[in-house]
Amino acid sequence: MTADLGDLNAFVTVARAGGFRDAARLAGVSASGLSEAVRRLEGRLGVRLLNRSTRSVVPTEAGRGLLERLAPALNEVQAALDVVNAFRDRPSGTLRLNVPLAASRLVLPSLVPRFLAAYPDIVLDVTVEDSFVDVLAGGYDAGIRYEERLEQDMIAVPIGPRVQRFAAAAAPAYLERRGTPRHPGELLDHACLAGRFGTAVLPWEFARDGETVQVDPRGPLRVKLGAAADLAVEAAVAGSGIVYMFEDWLQPYFRRGELVPVLEPWWLSFSGPFLYYPGRRLVPAPLRAFIDFIRAGVP
């Protein structure tokens, strides 16, 4: 049984977008054309692949199985075709990245404008999310993550600052009211504005002179890591408690005096993020250009 490659690609695009209109907008084609392609594929295979409603389009069990196997294969086809791109004077195409919020806030702003200026024929498509992602199955060319979240079969390239720190901070008014902790253990007597990953509240870690301390934060606010992190910072600025965040994220608040460092000698250092991509596939020309660009800028 054979199927048209265009029809297969139309199915993957619609399934990922969750609807024909959104898929058409992303692909730059008509929704009716995508709908006809999916119907043609379903007729050829003899099975329904998508459940359609007025509000959404969801893959059937058969559709999910096909999508799981088909998406990586189509990515490989695209990568193979992209080999031709290497013979152009200037690489072109779309580079799809999946990055955590911290990278979109602290790493990419200094790189993206210069990269786009250097490669005007490349479109950068960035998805920001903090969950664990299979970049290949998700249709991404690469991602940015920290070392502890990298899969072993990935190629990792340093990107951004090579050393970062987690910082604790609070508003001057809060510290005047509640006092300034001198040891991480004293945080148990303070209002901590905590972050969580899924349902788990993440511990705060500190280290100094060979002593490591882990604190389970307790306080009036918990936020899911990602976009809601700004809420924790603003609550700290308003005097609601102590926040624990990337130092670079908090630097603007330090400069304005809205927050002051807490327990700075205990702040924990860790290695910076990596751009990662599958090592078992051809590297598309836009990704190769991005890799060369960041390698040229990383000491």
C-alpha atoms as a PDB file:
ATOM      1  CA  MET A   1       0.000   0.000   0.000  1.00  0.00           C
ATOM      2  CA  THR A   2       1.374   3.390  -1.010  1.00  0.00           C
ATOM      3  CA  ALA A   3       0.385   6.909  -0.021  1.00  0.00           C
ATOM      4  CA  ASP A   4       1.226  10.307  -1.452  1.00  0.00           C
ATOM      5  CA  LEU A   5       3.972  12.062   0.505  1.00  0.00           C
ATOM      6  CA  GLY A   6       2.050  15.334   0.328  1.00  0.00           C
ATOM      7  CA  ASP A   7      -1.033  13.709   1.844  1.00  0.00           C
ATOM      8  CA  LEU A   8       1.033  12.228   4.654  1.00  0.00           C
ATOM      9  CA  ASN A   9       2.589  15.603   5.378  1.00  0.00           C
ATOM     10  CA  ALA A  10      -0.860  17.224   5.375  1.00  0.00           C
ATOM     11  CA  PHE A  11      -2.070  14.727   7.971  1.00  0.00           C
ATOM     12  CA  VAL A  12       0.931  15.372  10.246  1.00  0.00           C
ATOM     13  CA  THR A  13       0.510  19.137   9.940  1.00  0.00           C
ATOM     14  CA  VAL A  14      -3.197  19.019  10.828  1.00  0.00           C
ATOM     15  CA  ALA A  15      -2.690  16.563  13.693  1.00  0.00           C
ATOM     16  CA  ARG A  16       0.038  18.698  15.242  1.00  0.00           C
ATOM     17  CA  ALA A  17      -1.907  21.939  14.838  1.00  0.00           C
ATOM     18  CA  GLY A  18      -5.140  20.464  16.201  1.00  0.00           C
ATOM     19  CA  GLY A  19      -7.245  21.923  13.403  1.00  0.00           C
ATOM     20  CA  PHE A  20      -7.367  22.602   9.685  1.00  0.00           C
ATOM     21  CA  ARG A  21      -7.380  26.396   9.919  1.00  0.00           C
ATOM     22  CA  ASP A  22      -4.355  26.598  12.207  1.00  0.00           C
ATOM     23  CA  ALA A  23      -2.557  24.012  10.078  1.00  0.00           C
ATOM     24  CA  ALA A  24      -3.342  25.950   6.909  1.00  0.00           C
ATOM     25  CA  ARG A  25      -1.982  29.129   8.451  1.00  0.00           C
ATOM     26  CA  LEU A  26       1.236  27.411   9.511  1.00  0.00           C
ATOM     27  CA  ALA A  27       1.710  25.649   6.176  1.00  0.00           C
ATOM     28  CA  GLY A  28       0.670  28.581   4.004  1.00  0.00           C
ATOM     29  CA  VAL A  29      -1.972  26.585   2.136  1.00  0.00           C
ATOM     30  CA  SER A  30      -5.767  26.421   2.136  1.00  0.00           C
ATOM     31  CA  ALA A  31      -7.721  24.581   4.827  1.00  0.00           C
ATOM     32  CA  SER A  32      -9.859  22.962   2.131  1.00  0.00           C
ATOM     33  CA  GLY A  33      -6.735  21.609   0.426  1.00  0.00           C
ATOM     34  CA  LEU A  34      -5.541  20.055   3.666  1.00  0.00           C
ATOM     35  CA  SER A  35      -8.965  18.592   4.330  1.00  0.00           C
ATOM     36  CA  GLU A  36      -9.082  17.010   0.903  1.00  0.00           C
ATOM     37  CA  ALA A  37      -5.566  15.582   1.352  1.00  0.00           C
ATOM     38  CA  VAL A  38      -6.509  13.973   4.682  1.00  0.00           C
ATOM     39  CA  ARG A  39      -9.731  12.529   3.230  1.00  0.00           C
ATOM     40  CA  ARG A  40      -7.761  11.128   0.317  1.00  0.00           C
ATOM     41  CA  LEU A  41      -5.256   9.515   2.712  1.00  0.00           C
ATOM     42  CA  GLU A  42      -8.045   8.044   4.877  1.00  0.00           C
ATOM     43  CA  GLY A  43      -9.718   6.627   1.777  1.00  0.00           C
ATOM     44  CA  ARG A  44      -6.495   5.039   0.574  1.00  0.00           C
ATOM     45  CA  LEU A  45      -5.772   3.514   3.993  1.00  0.00           C
ATOM     46  CA  GLY A  46      -9.380   2.547   4.660  1.00  0.00           C
ATOM     47  CA  VAL A  47      -9.404   3.938   8.223  1.00  0.00           C
ATOM     48  CA  ARG A  48     -10.354   7.198   9.909  1.00  0.00           C
ATOM     49  CA  LEU A  49      -7.287   9.075  11.136  1.00  0.00           C
ATOM     50  CA  LEU A  50      -8.857  12.222  12.593  1.00  0.00           C
ATOM     51  CA  ASN A  51     -11.972  12.841  14.661  1.00  0.00           C
ATOM     52  CA  ARG A  52     -13.363  16.181  13.553  1.00  0.00           C
ATOM     53  CA  SER A  53     -15.644  18.504  15.522  1.00  0.00           C
ATOM     54  CA  THR A  54     -16.592  22.152  15.189  1.00  0.00           C
ATOM     55  CA  ARG A  55     -14.000  23.049  17.855  1.00  0.00           C
ATOM     56  CA  SER A  56     -11.076  20.711  17.337  1.00  0.00           C
ATOM     57  CA  VAL A  57      -9.486  17.921  15.357  1.00  0.00           C
ATOM     58  CA  VAL A  58      -8.081  14.992  17.350  1.00  0.00           C
ATOM     59  CA  PRO A  59      -6.257  11.913  16.016  1.00  0.00           C
ATOM     60  CA  THR A  60      -8.031   8.583  16.387  1.00  0.00           C
ATOM     61  CA  GLU A  61      -6.170   5.637  17.878  1.00  0.00           C
ATOM     62  CA  ALA A  62      -5.064   4.696  14.368  1.00  0.00           C
ATOM     63  CA  GLY A  63      -4.109   8.317  13.707  1.00  0.00           C
ATOM     64  CA  ARG A  64      -2.009   8.512  16.861  1.00  0.00           C
ATOM     65  CA  GLY A  65      -0.166   5.344  15.917  1.00  0.00           C
ATOM     66  CA  LEU A  66       0.520   6.635  12.420  1.00  0.00           C
ATOM     67  CA  LEU A  67       1.613  10.048  13.704  1.00  0.00           C
ATOM     68  CA  GLU A  68       4.043   8.511  16.184  1.00  0.00           C
ATOM     69  CA  ARG A  69       5.814   6.557  13.452  1.00  0.00           C
ATOM     70  CA  LEU A  70       5.348   8.983  10.587  1.00  0.00           C
ATOM     71  CA  ALA A  71       6.521  12.291  12.080  1.00  0.00           C
ATOM     72  CA  PRO A  72      10.159  11.212  12.606  1.00  0.00           C
ATOM     73  CA  ALA A  73      10.235   9.647   9.134  1.00  0.00           C
ATOM     74  CA  LEU A  74       9.005  12.845   7.475  1.00  0.00           C
ATOM     75  CA  ASN A  75      11.576  14.805   9.438  1.00  0.00           C
ATOM     76  CA  GLU A  76      14.254  12.555   7.978  1.00  0.00           C
ATOM     77  CA  VAL A  77      12.882  13.077   4.462  1.00  0.00           C
ATOM     78  CA  GLN A  78      12.957  16.836   4.969  1.00  0.00           C
ATOM     79  CA  ALA A  79      16.490  16.660   6.322  1.00  0.00           C
ATOM     80  CA  ALA A  80      17.589  14.604   3.308  1.00  0.00           C
ATOM     81  CA  LEU A  81      16.068  17.110   0.886  1.00  0.00           C
ATOM     82  CA  ASP A  82      17.701  19.897   2.846  1.00  0.00           C
ATOM     83  CA  VAL A  83      21.141  18.598   1.872  1.00  0.00           C
ATOM     84  CA  VAL A  84      20.638  20.521  -1.369  1.00  0.00           C
ATOM     85  CA  ASN A  85      20.356  23.671   0.740  1.00  0.00           C
ATOM     86  CA  ALA A  86      24.026  23.406   1.619  1.00  0.00           C
ATOM     87  CA  PHE A  87      24.908  24.241  -1.978  1.00  0.00           C
ATOM     88  CA  ARG A  88      23.144  27.615  -1.838  1.00  0.00           C
ATOM     89  CA  ASP A  89      25.093  30.810  -1.272  1.00  0.00           C
ATOM     90  CA  ARG A  90      22.847  31.521   1.728  1.00  0.00           C
ATOM     91  CA  PRO A  91      20.996  28.801   3.698  1.00  0.00           C
ATOM     92  CA  SER A  92      17.230  29.119   3.707  1.00  0.00           C
ATOM     93  CA  GLY A  93      14.277  27.416   5.299  1.00  0.00           C
ATOM     94  CA  THR A  94      12.722  27.172   8.752  1.00  0.00           C
ATOM     95  CA  LEU A  95      14.587  26.360  11.951  1.00  0.00           C
ATOM     96  CA  ARG A  96      12.224  25.004  14.629  1.00  0.00           C
ATOM     97  CA  LEU A  97      13.456  25.210  18.215  1.00  0.00           C
ATOM     98  CA  ASN A  98      11.884  24.055  21.484  1.00  0.00           C
ATOM     99  CA  VAL A  99      13.247  25.993  24.459  1.00  0.00           C
ATOM    100  CA  PRO A 100      12.436  26.568  28.140  1.00  0.00           C
ATOM    101  CA  LEU A 101      11.241  29.962  29.284  1.00  0.00           C
ATOM    102  CA  ALA A 102      14.563  30.744  30.955  1.00  0.00           C
ATOM    103  CA  ALA A 103      16.383  30.299  27.634  1.00  0.00           C
ATOM    104  CA  SER A 104      13.880  32.481  25.786  1.00  0.00           C
ATOM    105  CA  ARG A 105      14.373  35.157  28.440  1.00  0.00           C
ATOM    106  CA  LEU A 106      18.090  34.900  29.212  1.00  0.00           C
ATOM    107  CA  VAL A 107      19.831  33.298  26.211  1.00  0.00           C
ATOM    108  CA  LEU A 108      18.053  33.917  22.922  1.00  0.00           C
ATOM    109  CA  PRO A 109      17.527  37.714  23.066  1.00  0.00           C
ATOM    110  CA  SER A 110      21.262  38.329  22.643  1.00  0.00           C
ATOM    111  CA  LEU A 111      21.569  35.803  19.807  1.00  0.00           C
ATOM    112  CA  VAL A 112      18.414  35.930  17.710  1.00  0.00           C
ATOM    113  CA  PRO A 113      18.661  39.473  16.238  1.00  0.00           C
ATOM    114  CA  ARG A 114      22.272  38.894  15.143  1.00  0.00           C
ATOM    115  CA  PHE A 115      21.462  35.464  13.710  1.00  0.00           C
ATOM    116  CA  LEU A 116      18.478  36.753  11.730  1.00  0.00           C
ATOM    117  CA  ALA A 117      20.598  39.601  10.375  1.00  0.00           C
ATOM    118  CA  ALA A 118      23.326  37.161   9.319  1.00  0.00           C
ATOM    119  CA  TYR A 119      20.860  34.698   7.718  1.00  0.00           C
ATOM    120  CA  PRO A 120      17.939  36.672   6.276  1.00  0.00           C
ATOM    121  CA  ASP A 121      16.592  33.670   4.349  1.00  0.00           C
ATOM    122  CA  ILE A 122      16.069  31.581   7.500  1.00  0.00           C
ATOM    123  CA  VAL A 123      12.819  31.726   9.487  1.00  0.00           C
ATOM    124  CA  LEU A 124      13.233  30.971  13.193  1.00  0.00           C
ATOM    125  CA  ASP A 125      10.184  29.225  14.709  1.00  0.00           C
ATOM    126  CA  VAL A 126      10.470  29.043  18.514  1.00  0.00           C
ATOM    127  CA  THR A 127       8.194  27.135  20.887  1.00  0.00           C
ATOM    128  CA  VAL A 128       8.600  27.925  24.592  1.00  0.00           C
ATOM    129  CA  GLU A 129       7.715  25.224  27.116  1.00  0.00           C
ATOM    130  CA  ASP A 130       9.338  23.769  30.223  1.00  0.00           C
ATOM    131  CA  SER A 131       8.143  20.163  29.976  1.00  0.00           C
ATOM    132  CA  PHE A 132      10.278  17.273  28.736  1.00  0.00           C
ATOM    133  CA  VAL A 133       9.999  17.091  24.953  1.00  0.00           C
ATOM    134  CA  ASP A 134      11.027  14.560  22.308  1.00  0.00           C
ATOM    135  CA  VAL A 135      12.248  17.083  19.754  1.00  0.00           C
ATOM    136  CA  LEU A 136      12.272  14.604  16.891  1.00  0.00           C
ATOM    137  CA  ALA A 137       8.727  13.337  17.468  1.00  0.00           C
ATOM    138  CA  GLY A 138       7.550  16.898  18.105  1.00  0.00           C
ATOM    139  CA  GLY A 139       8.744  18.076  14.712  1.00  0.00           C
ATOM    140  CA  TYR A 140      11.540  20.295  16.048  1.00  0.00           C
ATOM    141  CA  ASP A 141      15.017  20.546  14.610  1.00  0.00           C
ATOM    142  CA  ALA A 142      16.642  21.156  17.990  1.00  0.00           C
ATOM    143  CA  GLY A 143      15.996  22.237  21.550  1.00  0.00           C
ATOM    144  CA  ILE A 144      17.688  24.034  24.412  1.00  0.00           C
ATOM    145  CA  ARG A 145      17.907  22.335  27.794  1.00  0.00           C
ATOM    146  CA  TYR A 146      20.204  21.980  30.759  1.00  0.00           C
ATOM    147  CA  GLU A 147      22.612  19.086  31.134  1.00  0.00           C
ATOM    148  CA  GLU A 148      20.536  17.022  33.546  1.00  0.00           C
ATOM    149  CA  ARG A 149      17.651  16.956  31.051  1.00  0.00           C
ATOM    150  CA  LEU A 150      19.636  15.915  27.992  1.00  0.00           C
ATOM    151  CA  GLU A 151      19.087  12.485  26.487  1.00  0.00           C
ATOM    152  CA  GLN A 152      22.199  10.387  25.947  1.00  0.00           C
ATOM    153  CA  ASP A 153      21.792   9.994  22.187  1.00  0.00           C
ATOM    154  CA  MET A 154      21.718  13.746  21.587  1.00  0.00           C
ATOM    155  CA  ILE A 155      24.523  15.980  20.346  1.00  0.00           C
ATOM    156  CA  ALA A 156      24.902  18.956  22.700  1.00  0.00           C
ATOM    157  CA  VAL A 157      26.476  22.315  21.858  1.00  0.00           C
ATOM    158  CA  PRO A 158      27.053  24.958  24.571  1.00  0.00           C
ATOM    159  CA  ILE A 159      24.878  28.037  24.142  1.00  0.00           C
ATOM    160  CA  GLY A 160      24.668  31.130  26.298  1.00  0.00           C
ATOM    161  CA  PRO A 161      26.490  31.673  29.619  1.00  0.00           C
ATOM    162  CA  ARG A 162      28.520  28.669  30.706  1.00  0.00           C
ATOM    163  CA  VAL A 163      28.004  29.257  34.413  1.00  0.00           C
ATOM    164  CA  GLN A 164      24.775  30.426  36.002  1.00  0.00           C
ATOM    165  CA  ARG A 165      23.503  30.715  39.573  1.00  0.00           C
ATOM    166  CA  PHE A 166      20.221  30.355  41.392  1.00  0.00           C
ATOM    167  CA  ALA A 167      19.567  33.383  43.560  1.00  0.00           C
ATOM    168  CA  ALA A 168      17.318  34.048  46.531  1.00  0.00           C
ATOM    169  CA  ALA A 169      15.858  37.540  46.840  1.00  0.00           C
ATOM    170  CA  ALA A 170      13.279  39.573  48.697  1.00  0.00           C
ATOM    171  CA  ALA A 171      11.961  43.118  48.839  1.00  0.00           C
ATOM    172  CA  PRO A 172      13.628  45.470  51.353  1.00  0.00           C
ATOM    173  CA  ALA A 173      10.276  45.967  53.091  1.00  0.00           C
ATOM    174  CA  TYR A 174       9.876  42.220  53.630  1.00  0.00           C
ATOM    175  CA  LEU A 175      13.336  41.879  55.158  1.00  0.00           C
ATOM    176  CA  GLU A 176      12.732  44.857  57.420  1.00  0.00           C
ATOM    177  CA  ARG A 177       9.546  43.197  58.619  1.00  0.00           C
ATOM    178  CA  ARG A 178      10.726  39.582  58.915  1.00  0.00           C
ATOM    179  CA  GLY A 179      14.503  39.849  59.198  1.00  0.00           C
ATOM    180  CA  THR A 180      17.263  38.638  56.865  1.00  0.00           C
ATOM    181  CA  PRO A 181      18.171  34.918  56.983  1.00  0.00           C
ATOM    182  CA  ARG A 182      21.887  34.208  57.467  1.00  0.00           C
ATOM    183  CA  HIS A 183      21.734  30.448  56.892  1.00  0.00           C
ATOM    184  CA  PRO A 184      19.528  28.508  54.434  1.00  0.00           C
ATOM    185  CA  GLY A 185      17.966  26.607  57.328  1.00  0.00           C
ATOM    186  CA  GLU A 186      16.400  29.864  58.523  1.00  0.00           C
ATOM    187  CA  LEU A 187      14.235  29.917  55.390  1.00  0.00           C
ATOM    188  CA  LEU A 188      11.904  27.501  57.154  1.00  0.00           C
ATOM    189  CA  ASP A 189      10.810  30.473  59.272  1.00  0.00           C
ATOM    190  CA  HIS A 190      10.120  32.641  56.218  1.00  0.00           C
ATOM    191  CA  ALA A 191       7.438  32.973  53.546  1.00  0.00           C
ATOM    192  CA  CYS A 192       8.909  31.216  50.500  1.00  0.00           C
ATOM    193  CA  LEU A 193       7.442  31.756  47.055  1.00  0.00           C
ATOM    194  CA  ALA A 194       7.956  28.310  45.582  1.00  0.00           C
ATOM    195  CA  GLY A 195       8.075  26.844  42.094  1.00  0.00           C
ATOM    196  CA  ARG A 196       6.752  23.465  41.086  1.00  0.00           C
ATOM    197  CA  PHE A 197       7.302  21.075  38.207  1.00  0.00           C
ATOM    198  CA  GLY A 198       4.078  19.188  37.618  1.00  0.00           C
ATOM    199  CA  THR A 199       2.699  18.610  41.100  1.00  0.00           C
ATOM    200  CA  ALA A 200       6.097  18.469  42.845  1.00  0.00           C
ATOM    201  CA  VAL A 201       7.364  21.547  44.678  1.00  0.00           C
ATOM    202  CA  LEU A 202      11.031  21.905  43.818  1.00  0.00           C
ATOM    203  CA  PRO A 203      13.564  22.148  46.647  1.00  0.00           C
ATOM    204  CA  TRP A 204      15.870  25.137  47.018  1.00  0.00           C
ATOM    205  CA  GLU A 205      19.548  24.175  47.039  1.00  0.00           C
ATOM    206  CA  PHE A 206      22.469  26.093  48.525  1.00  0.00           C
ATOM    207  CA  ALA A 207      26.179  25.383  48.961  1.00  0.00           C
ATOM    208  CA  ARG A 208      29.100  27.025  50.774  1.00  0.00           C
ATOM    209  CA  ASP A 209      32.542  25.848  51.864  1.00  0.00           C
ATOM    210  CA  GLY A 210      31.688  22.219  51.187  1.00  0.00           C
ATOM    211  CA  GLU A 211      28.346  22.364  52.998  1.00  0.00           C
ATOM    212  CA  THR A 212      25.255  21.670  50.921  1.00  0.00           C
ATOM    213  CA  VAL A 213      21.793  22.522  52.208  1.00  0.00           C
ATOM    214  CA  GLN A 214      18.475  21.605  50.605  1.00  0.00           C
ATOM    215  CA  VAL A 215      15.344  23.394  51.765  1.00  0.00           C
ATOM    216  CA  ASP A 216      11.752  22.393  51.040  1.00  0.00           C
ATOM    217  CA  PRO A 217      10.170  25.840  50.655  1.00  0.00           C
ATOM    218  CA  ARG A 218       6.954  26.599  52.495  1.00  0.00           C
ATOM    219  CA  GLY A 219       4.905  29.705  51.982  1.00  0.00           C
ATOM    220  CA  PRO A 220       1.785  31.401  50.648  1.00  0.00           C
ATOM    221  CA  LEU A 221       2.425  30.961  46.911  1.00  0.00           C
ATOM    222  CA  ARG A 222       3.342  28.147  44.531  1.00  0.00           C
ATOM    223  CA  VAL A 223       3.665  28.648  40.783  1.00  0.00           C
ATOM    224  CA  LYS A 224       4.250  26.216  37.955  1.00  0.00           C
ATOM    225  CA  LEU A 225       7.633  26.850  36.395  1.00  0.00           C
ATOM    226  CA  GLY A 226       7.380  28.759  33.147  1.00  0.00           C
ATOM    227  CA  ALA A 227       5.367  31.868  32.439  1.00  0.00           C
ATOM    228  CA  ALA A 228       3.946  31.915  35.981  1.00  0.00           C
ATOM    229  CA  ALA A 229       7.449  32.507  37.354  1.00  0.00           C
ATOM    230  CA  ASP A 230       6.923  36.222  36.769  1.00  0.00           C
ATOM    231  CA  LEU A 231       4.045  36.098  39.245  1.00  0.00           C
ATOM    232  CA  ALA A 232       6.372  34.824  41.974  1.00  0.00           C
ATOM    233  CA  VAL A 233       8.868  37.591  41.227  1.00  0.00           C
ATOM    234  CA  GLU A 234       6.203  40.288  41.310  1.00  0.00           C
ATOM    235  CA  ALA A 235       4.863  38.875  44.577  1.00  0.00           C
ATOM    236  CA  ALA A 236       8.367  39.123  46.015  1.00  0.00           C
ATOM    237  CA  VAL A 237       8.647  42.731  44.830  1.00  0.00           C
ATOM    238  CA  ALA A 238       5.364  43.441  46.609  1.00  0.00           C
ATOM    239  CA  GLY A 239       6.803  42.067  49.853  1.00  0.00           C
ATOM    240  CA  SER A 240       4.993  38.706  49.968  1.00  0.00           C
ATOM    241  CA  GLY A 241       8.095  36.626  50.604  1.00  0.00           C
ATOM    242  CA  ILE A 242      11.425  35.291  49.327  1.00  0.00           C
ATOM    243  CA  VAL A 243      11.805  34.112  45.730  1.00  0.00           C
ATOM    244  CA  TYR A 244      14.370  31.650  44.313  1.00  0.00           C
ATOM    245  CA  MET A 245      15.180  32.207  40.655  1.00  0.00           C
ATOM    246  CA  PHE A 246      17.905  32.476  38.019  1.00  0.00           C
ATOM    247  CA  GLU A 247      20.271  35.258  39.084  1.00  0.00           C
ATOM    248  CA  ASP A 248      20.207  36.820  35.610  1.00  0.00           C
ATOM    249  CA  TRP A 249      16.408  36.894  35.733  1.00  0.00           C
ATOM    250  CA  LEU A 250      16.505  38.903  38.951  1.00  0.00           C
ATOM    251  CA  GLN A 251      19.315  41.280  38.006  1.00  0.00           C
ATOM    252  CA  PRO A 252      16.999  44.048  36.674  1.00  0.00           C
ATOM    253  CA  TYR A 253      15.145  44.034  40.006  1.00  0.00           C
ATOM    254  CA  PHE A 254      18.452  44.210  41.903  1.00  0.00           C
ATOM    255  CA  ARG A 255      19.565  47.202  39.837  1.00  0.00           C
ATOM    256  CA  ARG A 256      16.313  49.041  40.513  1.00  0.00           C
ATOM    257  CA  GLY A 257      16.431  48.205  44.210  1.00  0.00           C
ATOM    258  CA  GLU A 258      13.057  46.434  44.084  1.00  0.00           C
ATOM    259  CA  LEU A 259      14.699  43.242  45.351  1.00  0.00           C
ATOM    260  CA  VAL A 260      17.884  42.624  47.324  1.00  0.00           C
ATOM    261  CA  PRO A 261      20.018  39.463  47.385  1.00  0.00           C
ATOM    262  CA  VAL A 262      19.423  36.987  50.197  1.00  0.00           C
ATOM    263  CA  LEU A 263      22.028  34.387  51.239  1.00  0.00           C
ATOM    264  CA  GLU A 264      24.286  35.343  48.335  1.00  0.00           C
ATOM    265  CA  PRO A 265      27.376  33.486  49.667  1.00  0.00           C
ATOM    266  CA  TRP A 266      25.272  30.315  49.486  1.00  0.00           C
ATOM    267  CA  TRP A 267      24.019  30.678  45.910  1.00  0.00           C
ATOM    268  CA  LEU A 268      24.462  27.507  43.893  1.00  0.00           C
ATOM    269  CA  SER A 269      26.359  27.587  40.592  1.00  0.00           C
ATOM    270  CA  PHE A 270      25.538  25.220  37.721  1.00  0.00           C
ATOM    271  CA  SER A 271      26.544  24.729  34.101  1.00  0.00           C
ATOM    272  CA  GLY A 272      24.784  26.749  31.439  1.00  0.00           C
ATOM    273  CA  PRO A 273      22.366  25.434  28.788  1.00  0.00           C
ATOM    274  CA  PHE A 274      23.021  23.437  25.642  1.00  0.00           C
ATOM    275  CA  LEU A 275      21.539  23.399  22.169  1.00  0.00           C
ATOM    276  CA  TYR A 276      20.801  19.744  21.476  1.00  0.00           C
ATOM    277  CA  TYR A 277      19.692  17.776  18.443  1.00  0.00           C
ATOM    278  CA  PRO A 278      19.466  14.110  17.379  1.00  0.00           C
ATOM    279  CA  GLY A 279      22.776  12.603  16.390  1.00  0.00           C
ATOM    280  CA  ARG A 280      21.269   9.943  14.138  1.00  0.00           C
ATOM    281  CA  ARG A 281      19.946  12.235  11.407  1.00  0.00           C
ATOM    282  CA  LEU A 282      21.174  14.635   8.763  1.00  0.00           C
ATOM    283  CA  VAL A 283      21.563  18.187  10.025  1.00  0.00           C
ATOM    284  CA  PRO A 284      19.308  20.618   8.121  1.00  0.00           C
ATOM    285  CA  ALA A 285      21.081  23.645   6.654  1.00  0.00           C
ATOM    286  CA  PRO A 286      19.268  26.204   8.904  1.00  0.00           C
ATOM    287  CA  LEU A 287      20.294  24.225  11.999  1.00  0.00           C
ATOM    288  CA  ARG A 288      23.858  23.860  10.735  1.00  0.00           C
ATOM    289  CA  ALA A 289      24.012  27.624  10.235  1.00  0.00           C
ATOM    290  CA  PHE A 290      22.732  28.196  13.782  1.00  0.00           C
ATOM    291  CA  ILE A 291      25.241  25.727  15.248  1.00  0.00           C
ATOM    292  CA  ASP A 292      28.127  27.415  13.430  1.00  0.00           C
ATOM    293  CA  PHE A 293      26.831  30.807  14.556  1.00  0.00           C
ATOM    294  CA  ILE A 294      26.693  29.982  18.267  1.00  0.00           C
ATOM    295  CA  ARG A 295      30.009  28.099  18.175  1.00  0.00           C
ATOM    296  CA  ALA A 296      31.650  31.200  16.749  1.00  0.00           C
ATOM    297  CA  GLY A 297      30.254  33.241  19.648  1.00  0.00           C
ATOM    298  CA  VAL A 298      30.920  30.818  22.563  1.00  0.00           C
ATOM    299  CA  PRO A 299      34.375  31.114  24.149  1.00  0.00           C
END
